[in-house]
Amino acid sequence: MAESTFTFRVDEDLKAAFAEVAKAQDRTAAQFLRVLMREAVERDQAVRDHDAWFRSEVEQAIREADDPNTAWIPHEEVMAKWEARIAELRQRTSDDAA
C-alpha cells in the first residue's frame, strides 16, 4: 500500500502528552496515530453498516405491513395469549417452589 505524509498543527503540550501515551504503549506517536486513524475508520464503517442494515429492516417491515396478504392479529388477542402464558409460568414457578 502506498504511503503518504499527513501534516497538521497541534498544541505543543498535547503533542508531548500524546507522545507519552504512545511511549507508554511501546509505540511511536506516528504508530499510535495510525492505530487511532484505523480505529476511527473502522468505527465509522461499523456505524454505516449498522445504519444500512437497520434501514433495510425498516423498509422490509413497511413492505410487509403494506402487503394486503399480511395477517394481522388484534392487540387484545396477543395480550390475552401472553397473559395466559405469564399465568402458566407463574403457576409453574410456584409449583416448583413448593
PDB file of N, CA and C in Angstrom:
ATOM      1  N   MET A   1       0.856  -1.177   0.000  1.00  0.00           N
ATOM      2  CA  MET A   1       0.000   0.000   0.000  1.00  0.00           C
ATOM      3  C   MET A   1       0.897   1.233   0.000  1.00  0.00           C
ATOM      4  N   ALA A   2       0.554   2.184  -0.848  1.00  0.00           N
ATOM      5  CA  ALA A   2       1.335   3.419  -0.926  1.00  0.00           C
ATOM      6  C   ALA A   2       1.118   4.228   0.340  1.00  0.00           C
ATOM      7  N   GLU A   3       2.150   4.892   0.760  1.00  0.00           N
ATOM      8  CA  GLU A   3       2.061   5.717   1.963  1.00  0.00           C
ATOM      9  C   GLU A   3       2.183   7.180   1.588  1.00  0.00           C
ATOM     10  N   SER A   4       1.606   8.042   2.405  1.00  0.00           N
ATOM     11  CA  SER A   4       1.720   9.480   2.207  1.00  0.00           C
ATOM     12  C   SER A   4       1.920  10.137   3.558  1.00  0.00           C
ATOM     13  N   THR A   5       2.334  11.381   3.516  1.00  0.00           N
ATOM     14  CA  THR A   5       2.586  12.130   4.736  1.00  0.00           C
ATOM     15  C   THR A   5       1.332  12.902   5.115  1.00  0.00           C
ATOM     16  N   PHE A   6       1.058  12.934   6.412  1.00  0.00           N
ATOM     17  CA  PHE A   6      -0.102  13.643   6.950  1.00  0.00           C
ATOM     18  C   PHE A   6       0.471  14.703   7.885  1.00  0.00           C
ATOM     19  N   THR A   7       0.374  15.966   7.512  1.00  0.00           N
ATOM     20  CA  THR A   7       0.940  17.051   8.307  1.00  0.00           C
ATOM     21  C   THR A   7      -0.171  17.932   8.862  1.00  0.00           C
ATOM     22  N   PHE A   8      -0.085  18.228  10.163  1.00  0.00           N
ATOM     23  CA  PHE A   8      -1.074  19.113  10.765  1.00  0.00           C
ATOM     24  C   PHE A   8      -0.459  19.783  11.981  1.00  0.00           C
ATOM     25  N   ARG A   9      -1.088  20.841  12.430  1.00  0.00           N
ATOM     26  CA  ARG A   9      -0.609  21.580  13.591  1.00  0.00           C
ATOM     27  C   ARG A   9      -1.337  21.095  14.839  1.00  0.00           C
ATOM     28  N   VAL A  10      -0.604  21.061  15.956  1.00  0.00           N
ATOM     29  CA  VAL A  10      -1.177  20.636  17.218  1.00  0.00           C
ATOM     30  C   VAL A  10      -0.478  21.403  18.341  1.00  0.00           C
ATOM     31  N   ASP A  11      -1.192  21.659  19.396  1.00  0.00           N
ATOM     32  CA  ASP A  11      -0.638  22.329  20.563  1.00  0.00           C
ATOM     33  C   ASP A  11       0.558  21.522  21.090  1.00  0.00           C
ATOM     34  N   GLU A  12       1.620  22.192  21.456  1.00  0.00           N
ATOM     35  CA  GLU A  12       2.859  21.522  21.900  1.00  0.00           C
ATOM     36  C   GLU A  12       2.615  20.651  23.131  1.00  0.00           C
ATOM     37  N   ASP A  13       1.811  21.121  24.075  1.00  0.00           N
ATOM     38  CA  ASP A  13       1.531  20.316  25.269  1.00  0.00           C
ATOM     39  C   ASP A  13       0.769  19.038  24.914  1.00  0.00           C
ATOM     40  N   LEU A  14      -0.192  19.151  24.002  1.00  0.00           N
ATOM     41  CA  LEU A  14      -0.941  17.981  23.564  1.00  0.00           C
ATOM     42  C   LEU A  14      -0.018  16.993  22.852  1.00  0.00           C
ATOM     43  N   LYS A  15       0.869  17.518  22.019  1.00  0.00           N
ATOM     44  CA  LYS A  15       1.824  16.667  21.301  1.00  0.00           C
ATOM     45  C   LYS A  15       2.700  15.905  22.288  1.00  0.00           C
ATOM     46  N   ALA A  16       3.200  16.592  23.296  1.00  0.00           N
ATOM     47  CA  ALA A  16       4.070  15.944  24.286  1.00  0.00           C
ATOM     48  C   ALA A  16       3.299  14.897  25.083  1.00  0.00           C
ATOM     49  N   ALA A  17       2.088  15.243  25.500  1.00  0.00           N
ATOM     50  CA  ALA A  17       1.269  14.287  26.260  1.00  0.00           C
ATOM     51  C   ALA A  17       0.935  13.074  25.403  1.00  0.00           C
ATOM     52  N   PHE A  18       0.626  13.299  24.129  1.00  0.00           N
ATOM     53  CA  PHE A  18       0.306  12.198  23.228  1.00  0.00           C
ATOM     54  C   PHE A  18       1.525  11.296  23.031  1.00  0.00           C
ATOM     55  N   ALA A  19       2.684  11.900  22.893  1.00  0.00           N
ATOM     56  CA  ALA A  19       3.909  11.121  22.732  1.00  0.00           C
ATOM     57  C   ALA A  19       4.148  10.248  23.967  1.00  0.00           C
ATOM     58  N   GLU A  20       3.834  10.753  25.145  1.00  0.00           N
ATOM     59  CA  GLU A  20       3.977   9.968  26.377  1.00  0.00           C
ATOM     60  C   GLU A  20       3.007   8.792  26.404  1.00  0.00           C
ATOM     61  N   VAL A  21       1.773   9.043  25.971  1.00  0.00           N
ATOM     62  CA  VAL A  21       0.777   7.960  25.919  1.00  0.00           C
ATOM     63  C   VAL A  21       1.245   6.883  24.944  1.00  0.00           C
ATOM     64  N   ALA A  22       1.726   7.299  23.788  1.00  0.00           N
ATOM     65  CA  ALA A  22       2.221   6.343  22.794  1.00  0.00           C
ATOM     66  C   ALA A  22       3.411   5.562  23.350  1.00  0.00           C
ATOM     67  N   LYS A  23       4.321   6.267  24.001  1.00  0.00           N
ATOM     68  CA  LYS A  23       5.500   5.619  24.583  1.00  0.00           C
ATOM     69  C   LYS A  23       5.094   4.600  25.644  1.00  0.00           C
ATOM     70  N   ALA A  24       4.087   4.929  26.430  1.00  0.00           N
ATOM     71  CA  ALA A  24       3.619   4.018  27.475  1.00  0.00           C
ATOM     72  C   ALA A  24       3.058   2.735  26.856  1.00  0.00           C
ATOM     73  N   GLN A  25       2.634   2.822  25.601  1.00  0.00           N
ATOM     74  CA  GLN A  25       2.126   1.645  24.900  1.00  0.00           C
ATOM     75  C   GLN A  25       3.187   1.060  23.974  1.00  0.00           C
ATOM     76  N   ASP A  26       4.420   1.472  24.192  1.00  0.00           N
ATOM     77  CA  ASP A  26       5.572   0.975  23.431  1.00  0.00           C
ATOM     78  C   ASP A  26       5.414   1.204  21.927  1.00  0.00           C
ATOM     79  N   ARG A  27       4.957   2.419  21.588  1.00  0.00           N
ATOM     80  CA  ARG A  27       4.787   2.795  20.189  1.00  0.00           C
ATOM     81  C   ARG A  27       5.294   4.213  19.988  1.00  0.00           C
ATOM     82  N   THR A  28       5.590   4.516  18.748  1.00  0.00           N
ATOM     83  CA  THR A  28       5.899   5.908  18.433  1.00  0.00           C
ATOM     84  C   THR A  28       4.577   6.645  18.282  1.00  0.00           C
ATOM     85  N   ALA A  29       4.639   7.969  18.312  1.00  0.00           N
ATOM     86  CA  ALA A  29       3.425   8.760  18.135  1.00  0.00           C
ATOM     87  C   ALA A  29       2.805   8.467  16.763  1.00  0.00           C
ATOM     88  N   ALA A  30       3.650   8.311  15.742  1.00  0.00           N
ATOM     89  CA  ALA A  30       3.150   8.027  14.393  1.00  0.00           C
ATOM     90  C   ALA A  30       2.444   6.673  14.349  1.00  0.00           C
ATOM     91  N   GLN A  31       3.026   5.657  14.999  1.00  0.00           N
ATOM     92  CA  GLN A  31       2.381   4.338  15.026  1.00  0.00           C
ATOM     93  C   GLN A  31       1.029   4.433  15.730  1.00  0.00           C
ATOM     94  N   PHE A  32       1.023   5.138  16.836  1.00  0.00           N
ATOM     95  CA  PHE A  32      -0.206   5.264  17.608  1.00  0.00           C
ATOM     96  C   PHE A  32      -1.263   6.037  16.821  1.00  0.00           C
ATOM     97  N   LEU A  33      -0.864   7.085  16.112  1.00  0.00           N
ATOM     98  CA  LEU A  33      -1.802   7.831  15.274  1.00  0.00           C
ATOM     99  C   LEU A  33      -2.402   6.939  14.192  1.00  0.00           C
ATOM    100  N   ARG A  34      -1.581   6.086  13.574  1.00  0.00           N
ATOM    101  CA  ARG A  34      -2.103   5.173  12.560  1.00  0.00           C
ATOM    102  C   ARG A  34      -3.152   4.242  13.156  1.00  0.00           C
ATOM    103  N   VAL A  35      -2.890   3.746  14.368  1.00  0.00           N
ATOM    104  CA  VAL A  35      -3.864   2.877  15.045  1.00  0.00           C
ATOM    105  C   VAL A  35      -5.168   3.638  15.277  1.00  0.00           C
ATOM    106  N   LEU A  36      -5.060   4.856  15.798  1.00  0.00           N
ATOM    107  CA  LEU A  36      -6.252   5.667  16.058  1.00  0.00           C
ATOM    108  C   LEU A  36      -7.012   5.965  14.776  1.00  0.00           C
ATOM    109  N   MET A  37      -6.298   6.246  13.706  1.00  0.00           N
ATOM    110  CA  MET A  37      -6.947   6.531  12.430  1.00  0.00           C
ATOM    111  C   MET A  37      -7.678   5.287  11.914  1.00  0.00           C
ATOM    112  N   ARG A  38      -7.030   4.122  11.995  1.00  0.00           N
ATOM    113  CA  ARG A  38      -7.672   2.873  11.559  1.00  0.00           C
ATOM    114  C   ARG A  38      -8.937   2.601  12.366  1.00  0.00           C
ATOM    115  N   GLU A  39      -8.838   2.777  13.680  1.00  0.00           N
ATOM    116  CA  GLU A  39      -9.991   2.534  14.547  1.00  0.00           C
ATOM    117  C   GLU A  39     -11.137   3.499  14.217  1.00  0.00           C
ATOM    118  N   ALA A  40     -10.822   4.745  13.935  1.00  0.00           N
ATOM    119  CA  ALA A  40     -11.851   5.726  13.584  1.00  0.00           C
ATOM    120  C   ALA A  40     -12.551   5.323  12.284  1.00  0.00           C
ATOM    121  N   VAL A  41     -11.781   4.882  11.311  1.00  0.00           N
ATOM    122  CA  VAL A  41     -12.353   4.458  10.033  1.00  0.00           C
ATOM    123  C   VAL A  41     -13.209   3.203  10.225  1.00  0.00           C
ATOM    124  N   GLU A  42     -12.721   2.240  11.007  1.00  0.00           N
ATOM    125  CA  GLU A  42     -13.477   1.012  11.265  1.00  0.00           C
ATOM    126  C   GLU A  42     -14.774   1.307  12.025  1.00  0.00           C
ATOM    127  N   ARG A  43     -14.695   2.203  13.020  1.00  0.00           N
ATOM    128  CA  ARG A  43     -15.878   2.578  13.796  1.00  0.00           C
ATOM    129  C   ARG A  43     -16.913   3.243  12.898  1.00  0.00           C
ATOM    130  N   ASP A  44     -16.451   4.144  12.033  1.00  0.00           N
ATOM    131  CA  ASP A  44     -17.354   4.820  11.111  1.00  0.00           C
ATOM    132  C   ASP A  44     -18.010   3.817  10.167  1.00  0.00           C
ATOM    133  N   GLN A  45     -17.238   2.851   9.665  1.00  0.00           N
ATOM    134  CA  GLN A  45     -17.793   1.849   8.760  1.00  0.00           C
ATOM    135  C   GLN A  45     -18.814   0.979   9.480  1.00  0.00           C
ATOM    136  N   ALA A  46     -18.532   0.638  10.730  1.00  0.00           N
ATOM    137  CA  ALA A  46     -19.477  -0.173  11.503  1.00  0.00           C
ATOM    138  C   ALA A  46     -20.789   0.581  11.696  1.00  0.00           C
ATOM    139  N   VAL A  47     -20.708   1.881  11.959  1.00  0.00           N
ATOM    140  CA  VAL A  47     -21.917   2.694  12.123  1.00  0.00           C
ATOM    141  C   VAL A  47     -22.692   2.736  10.810  1.00  0.00           C
ATOM    142  N   ARG A  48     -21.978   2.924   9.705  1.00  0.00           N
ATOM    143  CA  ARG A  48     -22.637   2.976   8.396  1.00  0.00           C
ATOM    144  C   ARG A  48     -23.279   1.629   8.053  1.00  0.00           C
ATOM    145  N   ASP A  49     -22.568   0.529   8.335  1.00  0.00           N
ATOM    146  CA  ASP A  49     -23.109  -0.803   8.063  1.00  0.00           C
ATOM    147  C   ASP A  49     -24.368  -1.052   8.892  1.00  0.00           C
ATOM    148  N   HIS A  50     -24.323  -0.682  10.175  1.00  0.00           N
ATOM    149  CA  HIS A  50     -25.486  -0.877  11.029  1.00  0.00           C
ATOM    150  C   HIS A  50     -26.652  -0.027  10.539  1.00  0.00           C
ATOM    151  N   ASP A  51     -26.384   1.204  10.162  1.00  0.00           N
ATOM    152  CA  ASP A  51     -27.433   2.085   9.664  1.00  0.00           C
ATOM    153  C   ASP A  51     -28.066   1.498   8.408  1.00  0.00           C
ATOM    154  N   ALA A  52     -27.250   0.990   7.485  1.00  0.00           N
ATOM    155  CA  ALA A  52     -27.781   0.387   6.258  1.00  0.00           C
ATOM    156  C   ALA A  52     -28.623  -0.839   6.583  1.00  0.00           C
ATOM    157  N   TRP A  53     -28.141  -1.678   7.503  1.00  0.00           N
ATOM    158  CA  TRP A  53     -28.903  -2.869   7.911  1.00  0.00           C
ATOM    159  C   TRP A  53     -30.239  -2.444   8.530  1.00  0.00           C
ATOM    160  N   PHE A  54     -30.196  -1.486   9.446  1.00  0.00           N
ATOM    161  CA  PHE A  54     -31.412  -1.049  10.137  1.00  0.00           C
ATOM    162  C   PHE A  54     -32.426  -0.473   9.149  1.00  0.00           C
ATOM    163  N   ARG A  55     -31.953   0.359   8.229  1.00  0.00           N
ATOM    164  CA  ARG A  55     -32.851   0.936   7.233  1.00  0.00           C
ATOM    165  C   ARG A  55     -33.489  -0.159   6.380  1.00  0.00           C
ATOM    166  N   SER A  56     -32.696  -1.156   6.027  1.00  0.00           N
ATOM    167  CA  SER A  56     -33.211  -2.285   5.257  1.00  0.00           C
ATOM    168  C   SER A  56     -34.294  -3.035   6.026  1.00  0.00           C
ATOM    169  N   GLU A  57     -34.064  -3.240   7.317  1.00  0.00           N
ATOM    170  CA  GLU A  57     -35.055  -3.924   8.158  1.00  0.00           C
ATOM    171  C   GLU A  57     -36.350  -3.120   8.247  1.00  0.00           C
ATOM    172  N   VAL A  58     -36.228  -1.812   8.389  1.00  0.00           N
ATOM    173  CA  VAL A  58     -37.415  -0.950   8.480  1.00  0.00           C
ATOM    174  C   VAL A  58     -38.170  -0.976   7.152  1.00  0.00           C
ATOM    175  N   GLU A  59     -37.437  -0.883   6.042  1.00  0.00           N
ATOM    176  CA  GLU A  59     -38.090  -0.920   4.733  1.00  0.00           C
ATOM    177  C   GLU A  59     -38.817  -2.244   4.524  1.00  0.00           C
ATOM    178  N   GLN A  60     -38.200  -3.349   4.924  1.00  0.00           N
ATOM    179  CA  GLN A  60     -38.840  -4.659   4.806  1.00  0.00           C
ATOM    180  C   GLN A  60     -40.103  -4.712   5.672  1.00  0.00           C
ATOM    181  N   ALA A  61     -40.026  -4.182   6.882  1.00  0.00           N
ATOM    182  CA  ALA A  61     -41.193  -4.169   7.768  1.00  0.00           C
ATOM    183  C   ALA A  61     -42.323  -3.341   7.164  1.00  0.00           C
ATOM    184  N   ILE A  62     -41.982  -2.234   6.548  1.00  0.00           N
ATOM    185  CA  ILE A  62     -43.006  -1.390   5.916  1.00  0.00           C
ATOM    186  C   ILE A  62     -43.647  -2.132   4.747  1.00  0.00           C
ATOM    187  N   ARG A  63     -42.824  -2.820   3.934  1.00  0.00           N
ATOM    188  CA  ARG A  63     -43.375  -3.598   2.824  1.00  0.00           C
ATOM    189  C   ARG A  63     -44.332  -4.673   3.337  1.00  0.00           C
ATOM    190  N   GLU A  64     -43.913  -5.365   4.414  1.00  0.00           N
ATOM    191  CA  GLU A  64     -44.771  -6.398   4.989  1.00  0.00           C
ATOM    192  C   GLU A  64     -46.065  -5.798   5.540  1.00  0.00           C
ATOM    193  N   ALA A  65     -45.965  -4.655   6.193  1.00  0.00           N
ATOM    194  CA  ALA A  65     -47.149  -4.021   6.760  1.00  0.00           C
ATOM    195  C   ALA A  65     -48.104  -3.558   5.661  1.00  0.00           C
ATOM    196  N   ASP A  66     -47.551  -3.134   4.535  1.00  0.00           N
ATOM    197  CA  ASP A  66     -48.374  -2.658   3.426  1.00  0.00           C
ATOM    198  C   ASP A  66     -48.926  -3.788   2.555  1.00  0.00           C
ATOM    199  N   ASP A  67     -48.395  -4.988   2.710  1.00  0.00           N
ATOM    200  CA  ASP A  67     -48.831  -6.128   1.904  1.00  0.00           C
ATOM    201  C   ASP A  67     -50.263  -6.510   2.293  1.00  0.00           C
ATOM    202  N   PRO A  68     -51.174  -6.542   1.316  1.00  0.00           N
ATOM    203  CA  PRO A  68     -52.562  -6.889   1.651  1.00  0.00           C
ATOM    204  C   PRO A  68     -52.717  -8.333   2.138  1.00  0.00           C
ATOM    205  N   ASN A  69     -51.729  -9.174   1.903  1.00  0.00           N
ATOM    206  CA  ASN A  69     -51.797 -10.568   2.345  1.00  0.00           C
ATOM    207  C   ASN A  69     -51.263 -10.770   3.760  1.00  0.00           C
ATOM    208  N   THR A  70     -50.798  -9.710   4.379  1.00  0.00           N
ATOM    209  CA  THR A  70     -50.277  -9.815   5.737  1.00  0.00           C
ATOM    210  C   THR A  70     -51.418 -10.108   6.701  1.00  0.00           C
ATOM    211  N   ALA A  71     -51.209 -11.128   7.529  1.00  0.00           N
ATOM    212  CA  ALA A  71     -52.230 -11.478   8.522  1.00  0.00           C
ATOM    213  C   ALA A  71     -52.004 -10.641   9.771  1.00  0.00           C
ATOM    214  N   TRP A  72     -53.022  -9.919  10.174  1.00  0.00           N
ATOM    215  CA  TRP A  72     -52.934  -9.075  11.355  1.00  0.00           C
ATOM    216  C   TRP A  72     -53.614  -9.773  12.520  1.00  0.00           C
ATOM    217  N   ILE A  73     -53.008  -9.685  13.694  1.00  0.00           N
ATOM    218  CA  ILE A  73     -53.576 -10.266  14.908  1.00  0.00           C
ATOM    219  C   ILE A  73     -53.973  -9.109  15.817  1.00  0.00           C
ATOM    220  N   PRO A  74     -55.221  -9.074  16.256  1.00  0.00           N
ATOM    221  CA  PRO A  74     -55.657  -7.966  17.118  1.00  0.00           C
ATOM    222  C   PRO A  74     -54.851  -7.918  18.421  1.00  0.00           C
ATOM    223  N   HIS A  75     -54.606  -6.722  18.880  1.00  0.00           N
ATOM    224  CA  HIS A  75     -53.836  -6.486  20.099  1.00  0.00           C
ATOM    225  C   HIS A  75     -54.419  -7.269  21.280  1.00  0.00           C
ATOM    226  N   GLU A  76     -55.725  -7.245  21.404  1.00  0.00           N
ATOM    227  CA  GLU A  76     -56.371  -7.924  22.528  1.00  0.00           C
ATOM    228  C   GLU A  76     -56.078  -9.423  22.519  1.00  0.00           C
ATOM    229  N   GLU A  77     -56.047 -10.024  21.326  1.00  0.00           N
ATOM    230  CA  GLU A  77     -55.767 -11.457  21.212  1.00  0.00           C
ATOM    231  C   GLU A  77     -54.323 -11.762  21.632  1.00  0.00           C
ATOM    232  N   VAL A  78     -53.402 -10.932  21.190  1.00  0.00           N
ATOM    233  CA  VAL A  78     -51.993 -11.121  21.563  1.00  0.00           C
ATOM    234  C   VAL A  78     -51.833 -10.974  23.072  1.00  0.00           C
ATOM    235  N   MET A  79     -52.439  -9.947  23.648  1.00  0.00           N
ATOM    236  CA  MET A  79     -52.318  -9.719  25.088  1.00  0.00           C
ATOM    237  C   MET A  79     -52.935 -10.870  25.880  1.00  0.00           C
ATOM    238  N   ALA A  80     -54.073 -11.380  25.425  1.00  0.00           N
ATOM    239  CA  ALA A  80     -54.715 -12.496  26.128  1.00  0.00           C
ATOM    240  C   ALA A  80     -53.812 -13.728  26.121  1.00  0.00           C
ATOM    241  N   LYS A  81     -53.186 -14.003  24.983  1.00  0.00           N
ATOM    242  CA  LYS A  81     -52.275 -15.164  24.898  1.00  0.00           C
ATOM    243  C   LYS A  81     -51.082 -14.984  25.835  1.00  0.00           C
ATOM    244  N   TRP A  82     -50.515 -13.770  25.872  1.00  0.00           N
ATOM    245  CA  TRP A  82     -49.353 -13.533  26.731  1.00  0.00           C
ATOM    246  C   TRP A  82     -49.731 -13.559  28.209  1.00  0.00           C
ATOM    247  N   GLU A  83     -50.878 -13.033  28.533  1.00  0.00           N
ATOM    248  CA  GLU A  83     -51.316 -13.067  29.927  1.00  0.00           C
ATOM    249  C   GLU A  83     -51.524 -14.513  30.378  1.00  0.00           C
ATOM    250  N   ALA A  84     -52.073 -15.350  29.491  1.00  0.00           N
ATOM    251  CA  ALA A  84     -52.240 -16.774  29.817  1.00  0.00           C
ATOM    252  C   ALA A  84     -50.875 -17.442  29.979  1.00  0.00           C
ATOM    253  N   ARG A  85     -49.938 -17.112  29.117  1.00  0.00           N
ATOM    254  CA  ARG A  85     -48.584 -17.690  29.198  1.00  0.00           C
ATOM    255  C   ARG A  85     -47.893 -17.265  30.491  1.00  0.00           C
ATOM    256  N   ILE A  86     -48.022 -16.008  30.849  1.00  0.00           N
ATOM    257  CA  ILE A  86     -47.419 -15.497  32.085  1.00  0.00           C
ATOM    258  C   ILE A  86     -48.038 -16.200  33.294  1.00  0.00           C
ATOM    259  N   ALA A  87     -49.345 -16.358  33.288  1.00  0.00           N
ATOM    260  CA  ALA A  87     -50.020 -17.045  34.400  1.00  0.00           C
ATOM    261  C   ALA A  87     -49.526 -18.488  34.500  1.00  0.00           C
ATOM    262  N   GLU A  88     -49.369 -19.132  33.348  1.00  0.00           N
ATOM    263  CA  GLU A  88     -48.858 -20.511  33.328  1.00  0.00           C
ATOM    264  C   GLU A  88     -47.450 -20.584  33.920  1.00  0.00           C
ATOM    265  N   LEU A  89     -46.594 -19.662  33.542  1.00  0.00           N
ATOM    266  CA  LEU A  89     -45.217 -19.655  34.059  1.00  0.00           C
ATOM    267  C   LEU A  89     -45.195 -19.353  35.561  1.00  0.00           C
ATOM    268  N   ARG A  90     -46.046 -18.442  35.999  1.00  0.00           N
ATOM    269  CA  ARG A  90     -46.108 -18.147  37.438  1.00  0.00           C
ATOM    270  C   ARG A  90     -46.576 -19.374  38.211  1.00  0.00           C
ATOM    271  N   GLN A  91     -47.548 -20.069  37.672  1.00  0.00           N
ATOM    272  CA  GLN A  91     -48.059 -21.275  38.321  1.00  0.00           C
ATOM    273  C   GLN A  91     -46.961 -22.330  38.399  1.00  0.00           C
ATOM    274  N   ARG A  92     -46.243 -22.503  37.298  1.00  0.00           N
ATOM    275  CA  ARG A  92     -45.163 -23.489  37.254  1.00  0.00           C
ATOM    276  C   ARG A  92     -44.074 -23.130  38.263  1.00  0.00           C
ATOM    277  N   THR A  93     -43.755 -21.833  38.366  1.00  0.00           N
ATOM    278  CA  THR A  93     -42.730 -21.376  39.312  1.00  0.00           C
ATOM    279  C   THR A  93     -43.182 -21.626  40.737  1.00  0.00           C
ATOM    280  N   SER A  94     -44.443 -21.337  41.042  1.00  0.00           N
ATOM    281  CA  SER A  94     -44.912 -21.569  42.413  1.00  0.00           C
ATOM    282  C   SER A  94     -45.013 -23.061  42.716  1.00  0.00           C
ATOM    283  N   ASP A  95     -45.342 -23.896  41.715  1.00  0.00           N
ATOM    284  CA  ASP A  95     -45.368 -25.352  41.917  1.00  0.00           C
ATOM    285  C   ASP A  95     -43.964 -25.886  42.183  1.00  0.00           C
ATOM    286  N   ASP A  96     -42.960 -25.345  41.446  1.00  0.00           N
ATOM    287  CA  ASP A  96     -41.580 -25.789  41.630  1.00  0.00           C
ATOM    288  C   ASP A  96     -41.038 -25.367  42.982  1.00  0.00           C
ATOM    289  N   ALA A  97     -41.481 -24.222  43.499  1.00  0.00           N
ATOM    290  CA  ALA A  97     -41.008 -23.718  44.773  1.00  0.00           C
ATOM    291  C   ALA A  97     -41.607 -24.503  45.942  1.00  0.00           C
ATOM    292  N   ALA A  98     -42.752 -25.098  45.724  1.00  0.00           N
ATOM    293  CA  ALA A  98     -43.445 -25.826  46.815  1.00  0.00           C
ATOM    294  C   ALA A  98     -42.844 -27.190  47.087  1.00  0.00           C
TER     295      ALA A  98
END
